[in-house]
Amino acid sequence: MTLQELRRARKLTQVRMAKALGISQDGISKLEKRSDLLLSTLRKTVEAMGGSLSLVAEFPDRDPVVLSGISEVEPNPKAAGKKHAHARA
């Protein structure tokens, strides 16, 4: 399911999502068309729809693994004095 399909299934408009996320309606439209999102952006979007985000790694030789600490809010890297790369979904 795409983000647009998910939003529609939740019976939410782009305008309502934009207000919840503090961005423009055009920003929601662009967000829904992107194929590469920061996990933090995806998490905020799903939470604005009333849900929560989980990240699951699947392997052929074991049960799925729910990854923890990946999609949670991270401290500001500048405040911590560290550089880090953003994980992308």
Protein backbone atom coordinates (compact mmCIF):
# COMPACT_ATOMS: atom_id res chain seq x y z
CA MET A 1 0.00 0.00 0.00
CA THR A 2 1.35 3.44 -0.86
CA LEU A 3 1.25 6.36 1.56
CA GLN A 4 -1.49 7.90 -0.54
CA GLU A 5 -3.54 4.69 -0.42
CA LEU A 6 -2.96 4.44 3.33
CA ARG A 7 -4.04 8.05 3.87
CA ARG A 8 -7.18 7.49 1.82
CA ALA A 9 -7.95 4.23 3.64
CA ARG A 10 -7.72 6.20 6.91
CA LYS A 11 -10.18 8.71 5.36
CA LEU A 12 -7.76 11.61 5.74
CA THR A 13 -7.30 14.50 3.33
CA GLN A 14 -3.96 15.94 2.26
CA VAL A 15 -5.00 19.21 3.93
CA ARG A 16 -5.65 17.47 7.27
CA MET A 17 -2.33 15.60 7.06
CA ALA A 18 -0.52 18.83 6.18
CA LYS A 19 -1.94 20.53 9.27
CA ALA A 20 -0.97 17.57 11.48
CA LEU A 21 2.60 17.59 10.13
CA GLY A 22 2.99 21.37 9.95
CA ILE A 23 3.67 21.42 6.21
CA SER A 24 1.76 22.52 3.10
CA GLN A 25 -0.76 20.41 1.20
CA ASP A 26 1.69 20.49 -1.71
CA GLY A 27 4.31 19.06 0.67
CA ILE A 28 2.01 16.09 1.38
CA SER A 29 1.49 15.57 -2.35
CA LYS A 30 5.26 15.51 -2.93
CA LEU A 31 5.81 13.25 0.08
CA GLU A 32 3.29 10.73 -1.24
CA LYS A 33 5.10 10.58 -4.60
CA ARG A 34 8.57 9.95 -3.14
CA SER A 35 9.97 6.45 -3.18
CA ASP A 36 12.88 7.18 -0.80
CA LEU A 37 11.95 8.62 2.60
CA LEU A 38 13.87 9.12 5.80
CA LEU A 39 12.55 6.72 8.42
CA SER A 40 11.86 9.69 10.69
CA THR A 41 9.66 11.26 8.00
CA LEU A 42 7.81 8.00 7.45
CA ARG A 43 7.36 7.56 11.23
CA LYS A 44 5.94 11.08 11.64
CA THR A 45 3.59 10.55 8.69
CA VAL A 46 2.27 7.24 10.01
CA GLU A 47 1.86 8.71 13.49
CA ALA A 48 -0.08 11.66 12.02
CA MET A 49 -2.48 9.04 10.62
CA GLY A 50 -2.91 7.57 14.10
CA GLY A 51 -0.56 4.61 13.69
CA SER A 52 2.93 3.56 14.68
CA LEU A 53 5.85 2.40 12.54
CA SER A 54 7.69 -0.89 12.95
CA LEU A 55 10.63 -2.04 10.87
CA VAL A 56 10.94 -5.77 10.22
CA ALA A 57 13.92 -7.60 8.70
CA GLU A 58 13.02 -10.84 6.94
CA PHE A 59 15.44 -13.66 6.22
CA PRO A 60 14.87 -16.97 4.42
CA ASP A 61 16.36 -19.05 7.25
CA ARG A 62 14.69 -17.56 10.34
CA ASP A 63 11.60 -15.84 11.67
CA PRO A 64 11.19 -12.11 10.96
CA VAL A 65 13.06 -9.76 13.31
CA VAL A 66 11.50 -6.50 14.52
CA LEU A 67 14.28 -3.92 14.63
CA SER A 68 14.24 -1.56 17.59
CA GLY A 69 15.60 1.96 17.95
CA ILE A 70 15.72 2.58 14.20
CA SER A 71 12.55 4.52 13.52
CA GLU A 72 12.47 6.30 16.87
CA VAL A 73 13.32 9.98 17.25
CA GLU A 74 17.06 10.45 17.42
CA PRO A 75 18.77 13.30 19.26
CA ASN A 76 19.98 16.23 17.18
CA PRO A 77 23.43 15.16 15.86
CA LYS A 78 24.77 18.71 16.21
CA ALA A 79 23.80 18.77 19.86
CA ALA A 80 25.62 15.48 20.43
CA GLY A 81 28.63 16.69 18.43
CA LYS A 82 28.55 13.63 16.18
CA LYS A 83 28.05 13.12 12.49
CA HIS A 84 25.79 10.29 11.38
CA ALA A 85 24.18 9.09 8.19
CA HIS A 86 20.41 8.96 7.89
CA ALA A 87 18.90 5.54 7.29
CA ARG A 88 16.48 5.46 4.40
CA ALA A 89 13.52 3.16 3.93
